[in-house]
């Protein structure tokens, strides 16, 4: 009977741990999506700024060693 109780406690502990980790993954996924959108907007803004300056966009420039 003691073995069954220990097994049930361990299952309850592992179940709670899985639920906690799932919440962390969901939170991190939302944060990554938010940051990805912000990086995309910043890249668009910088590309527009470079076009307004009349310079070649940084992404289209060759590295200095070429």
N, C-alpha and C. Protein backbone atom coordinates (compact mmCIF):
# COMPACT_ATOMS: atom_id res chain seq x y z
N UNK A 1 0.83 -1.20 0.00
CA UNK A 1 0.00 0.00 0.00
C UNK A 1 0.87 1.26 0.00
N UNK A 2 1.98 1.22 0.72
CA UNK A 2 2.88 2.37 0.79
C UNK A 2 3.48 2.69 -0.58
N UNK A 3 3.79 1.62 -1.34
CA UNK A 3 4.33 1.83 -2.69
C UNK A 3 3.31 2.53 -3.58
N UNK A 4 2.06 2.19 -3.43
CA UNK A 4 1.00 2.82 -4.24
C UNK A 4 0.89 4.30 -3.88
N UNK A 5 0.93 4.61 -2.61
CA UNK A 5 0.84 6.01 -2.17
C UNK A 5 2.02 6.82 -2.71
N UNK A 6 3.23 6.25 -2.63
CA UNK A 6 4.41 6.96 -3.15
C UNK A 6 4.29 7.17 -4.66
N UNK A 7 3.80 6.15 -5.35
CA UNK A 7 3.63 6.27 -6.81
C UNK A 7 2.60 7.35 -7.14
N UNK A 8 1.50 7.38 -6.40
CA UNK A 8 0.47 8.40 -6.63
C UNK A 8 1.02 9.80 -6.35
N UNK A 9 1.81 9.94 -5.29
CA UNK A 9 2.41 11.24 -4.98
C UNK A 9 3.36 11.68 -6.09
N UNK A 10 4.15 10.72 -6.56
CA UNK A 10 5.09 11.06 -7.63
C UNK A 10 4.36 11.43 -8.91
N UNK A 11 3.30 10.73 -9.24
CA UNK A 11 2.50 11.06 -10.42
C UNK A 11 1.90 12.45 -10.28
N UNK A 12 1.38 12.76 -9.10
CA UNK A 12 0.80 14.10 -8.87
C UNK A 12 1.87 15.18 -9.02
N UNK A 13 3.05 14.91 -8.48
CA UNK A 13 4.16 15.87 -8.59
C UNK A 13 4.56 16.06 -10.05
N UNK A 14 4.71 14.97 -10.79
CA UNK A 14 5.10 15.06 -12.20
C UNK A 14 4.02 15.74 -13.05
N UNK A 15 2.77 15.48 -12.72
CA UNK A 15 1.67 16.13 -13.44
C UNK A 15 1.71 17.63 -13.23
N UNK A 16 1.94 18.05 -12.01
CA UNK A 16 2.04 19.49 -11.71
C UNK A 16 3.24 20.10 -12.42
N UNK A 17 4.35 19.39 -12.46
CA UNK A 17 5.54 19.89 -13.12
C UNK A 17 5.30 20.07 -14.63
N UNK A 18 4.62 19.11 -15.24
CA UNK A 18 4.29 19.21 -16.66
C UNK A 18 3.39 20.41 -16.92
N UNK A 19 2.41 20.63 -16.07
CA UNK A 19 1.51 21.78 -16.21
C UNK A 19 2.29 23.09 -16.08
N UNK A 20 3.19 23.16 -15.11
CA UNK A 20 4.01 24.37 -14.93
C UNK A 20 4.88 24.63 -16.15
N UNK A 21 5.52 23.58 -16.65
CA UNK A 21 6.38 23.74 -17.83
C UNK A 21 5.57 24.14 -19.06
N UNK A 22 4.37 23.62 -19.17
CA UNK A 22 3.50 23.99 -20.28
C UNK A 22 3.17 25.47 -20.23
N UNK A 23 2.91 25.99 -19.05
CA UNK A 23 2.63 27.42 -18.90
C UNK A 23 3.84 28.27 -19.29
N UNK A 24 5.03 27.80 -18.93
CA UNK A 24 6.25 28.51 -19.30
C UNK A 24 6.42 28.53 -20.80
N UNK A 25 6.17 27.41 -21.45
CA UNK A 25 6.32 27.33 -22.90
C UNK A 25 5.33 28.28 -23.58
N UNK A 26 4.11 28.32 -23.12
CA UNK A 26 3.11 29.22 -23.69
C UNK A 26 3.54 30.67 -23.52
N UNK A 27 4.02 31.00 -22.35
CA UNK A 27 4.48 32.37 -22.08
C UNK A 27 5.65 32.74 -22.98
N UNK A 28 6.61 31.85 -23.12
CA UNK A 28 7.77 32.12 -23.96
C UNK A 28 7.38 32.23 -25.43
N UNK A 29 6.43 31.42 -25.86
CA UNK A 29 5.97 31.49 -27.25
C UNK A 29 5.35 32.86 -27.53
N UNK A 30 4.54 33.34 -26.62
CA UNK A 30 3.93 34.67 -26.79
C UNK A 30 4.99 35.76 -26.84
N UNK A 31 5.99 35.66 -25.96
CA UNK A 31 7.06 36.66 -25.92
C UNK A 31 7.88 36.62 -27.21
N UNK A 32 8.18 35.44 -27.71
CA UNK A 32 8.94 35.32 -28.96
C UNK A 32 8.14 35.91 -30.12
N UNK A 33 6.85 35.64 -30.18
CA UNK A 33 6.01 36.21 -31.24
C UNK A 33 5.98 37.73 -31.16
N UNK A 34 5.86 38.26 -29.94
CA UNK A 34 5.83 39.71 -29.76
C UNK A 34 7.15 40.33 -30.19
N UNK A 35 8.25 39.74 -29.77
CA UNK A 35 9.57 40.27 -30.13
C UNK A 35 9.83 40.14 -31.63
N UNK A 36 9.37 39.06 -32.24
CA UNK A 36 9.54 38.89 -33.68
C UNK A 36 8.80 39.98 -34.45
N UNK A 37 7.60 40.30 -34.00
CA UNK A 37 6.85 41.39 -34.65
C UNK A 37 7.59 42.72 -34.51
N UNK A 38 8.13 42.97 -33.33
CA UNK A 38 8.85 44.23 -33.10
C UNK A 38 10.11 44.31 -33.96
N UNK A 39 10.85 43.21 -34.07
CA UNK A 39 12.05 43.20 -34.91
C UNK A 39 11.66 43.44 -36.36
N UNK A 40 10.59 42.81 -36.81
CA UNK A 40 10.12 43.02 -38.19
C UNK A 40 9.78 44.49 -38.44
N UNK A 41 9.08 45.11 -37.50
CA UNK A 41 8.73 46.52 -37.66
C UNK A 41 9.97 47.40 -37.67
N UNK A 42 10.93 47.09 -36.81
CA UNK A 42 12.16 47.88 -36.78
C UNK A 42 12.95 47.72 -38.08
N UNK A 43 12.96 46.52 -38.63
CA UNK A 43 13.67 46.30 -39.88
C UNK A 43 13.00 47.08 -41.03
N UNK A 44 11.67 47.06 -41.04
CA UNK A 44 10.95 47.82 -42.06
C UNK A 44 11.23 49.32 -41.91
N UNK A 45 11.21 49.81 -40.69
CA UNK A 45 11.45 51.22 -40.44
C UNK A 45 12.87 51.61 -40.89
N UNK A 46 13.84 50.78 -40.58
CA UNK A 46 15.23 51.08 -40.97
C UNK A 46 15.38 51.04 -42.49
N UNK A 47 14.73 50.08 -43.15
CA UNK A 47 14.80 50.01 -44.61
C UNK A 47 14.19 51.27 -45.23
N UNK A 48 13.07 51.73 -44.69
CA UNK A 48 12.45 52.95 -45.20
C UNK A 48 13.36 54.16 -44.96
N UNK A 49 13.99 54.21 -43.81
CA UNK A 49 14.89 55.32 -43.50
C UNK A 49 16.07 55.33 -44.46
N UNK A 50 16.63 54.16 -44.74
CA UNK A 50 17.75 54.09 -45.67
C UNK A 50 17.33 54.49 -47.08
N UNK A 51 16.12 54.12 -47.48
CA UNK A 51 15.64 54.52 -48.81
C UNK A 51 15.44 56.02 -48.87
N UNK A 52 14.95 56.61 -47.80
CA UNK A 52 14.74 58.06 -47.76
C UNK A 52 16.07 58.81 -47.81
N UNK A 53 17.13 58.21 -47.25
CA UNK A 53 18.45 58.84 -47.27
C UNK A 53 19.11 58.70 -48.63
N UNK A 54 18.57 57.84 -49.47
CA UNK A 54 19.16 57.63 -50.79
C UNK A 54 20.35 56.70 -50.77
N UNK A 55 20.57 56.00 -49.68
CA UNK A 55 21.68 55.06 -49.61
C UNK A 55 21.18 53.65 -49.94
N UNK A 56 22.11 52.79 -50.24
CA UNK A 56 21.76 51.39 -50.49
C UNK A 56 21.42 50.76 -49.14
N UNK A 57 20.29 50.06 -49.06
CA UNK A 57 19.94 49.41 -47.79
C UNK A 57 21.07 48.49 -47.32
N UNK A 58 21.29 48.50 -46.05
CA UNK A 58 22.39 47.73 -45.46
C UNK A 58 22.32 46.26 -45.84
N UNK A 59 21.14 45.71 -45.92
CA UNK A 59 20.99 44.29 -46.28
C UNK A 59 21.47 44.02 -47.70
N UNK A 60 21.47 45.04 -48.58
CA UNK A 60 21.86 44.85 -49.96
C UNK A 60 23.32 45.23 -50.22
N UNK A 61 24.00 45.72 -49.23
CA UNK A 61 25.39 46.12 -49.42
C UNK A 61 26.30 44.91 -49.31
N UNK A 62 27.40 44.94 -50.08
CA UNK A 62 28.39 43.87 -50.00
C UNK A 62 29.25 44.12 -48.77
N UNK A 63 29.70 43.07 -48.15
CA UNK A 63 30.62 43.22 -47.02
C UNK A 63 31.91 43.89 -47.48
N UNK A 64 32.62 44.58 -46.61
CA UNK A 64 33.81 45.32 -47.02
C UNK A 64 34.94 44.44 -47.55
N UNK A 65 34.96 43.16 -47.21
CA UNK A 65 36.04 42.29 -47.67
C UNK A 65 35.82 41.76 -49.07
N UNK A 66 34.71 42.12 -49.75
CA UNK A 66 34.46 41.64 -51.12
C UNK A 66 35.00 42.61 -52.11
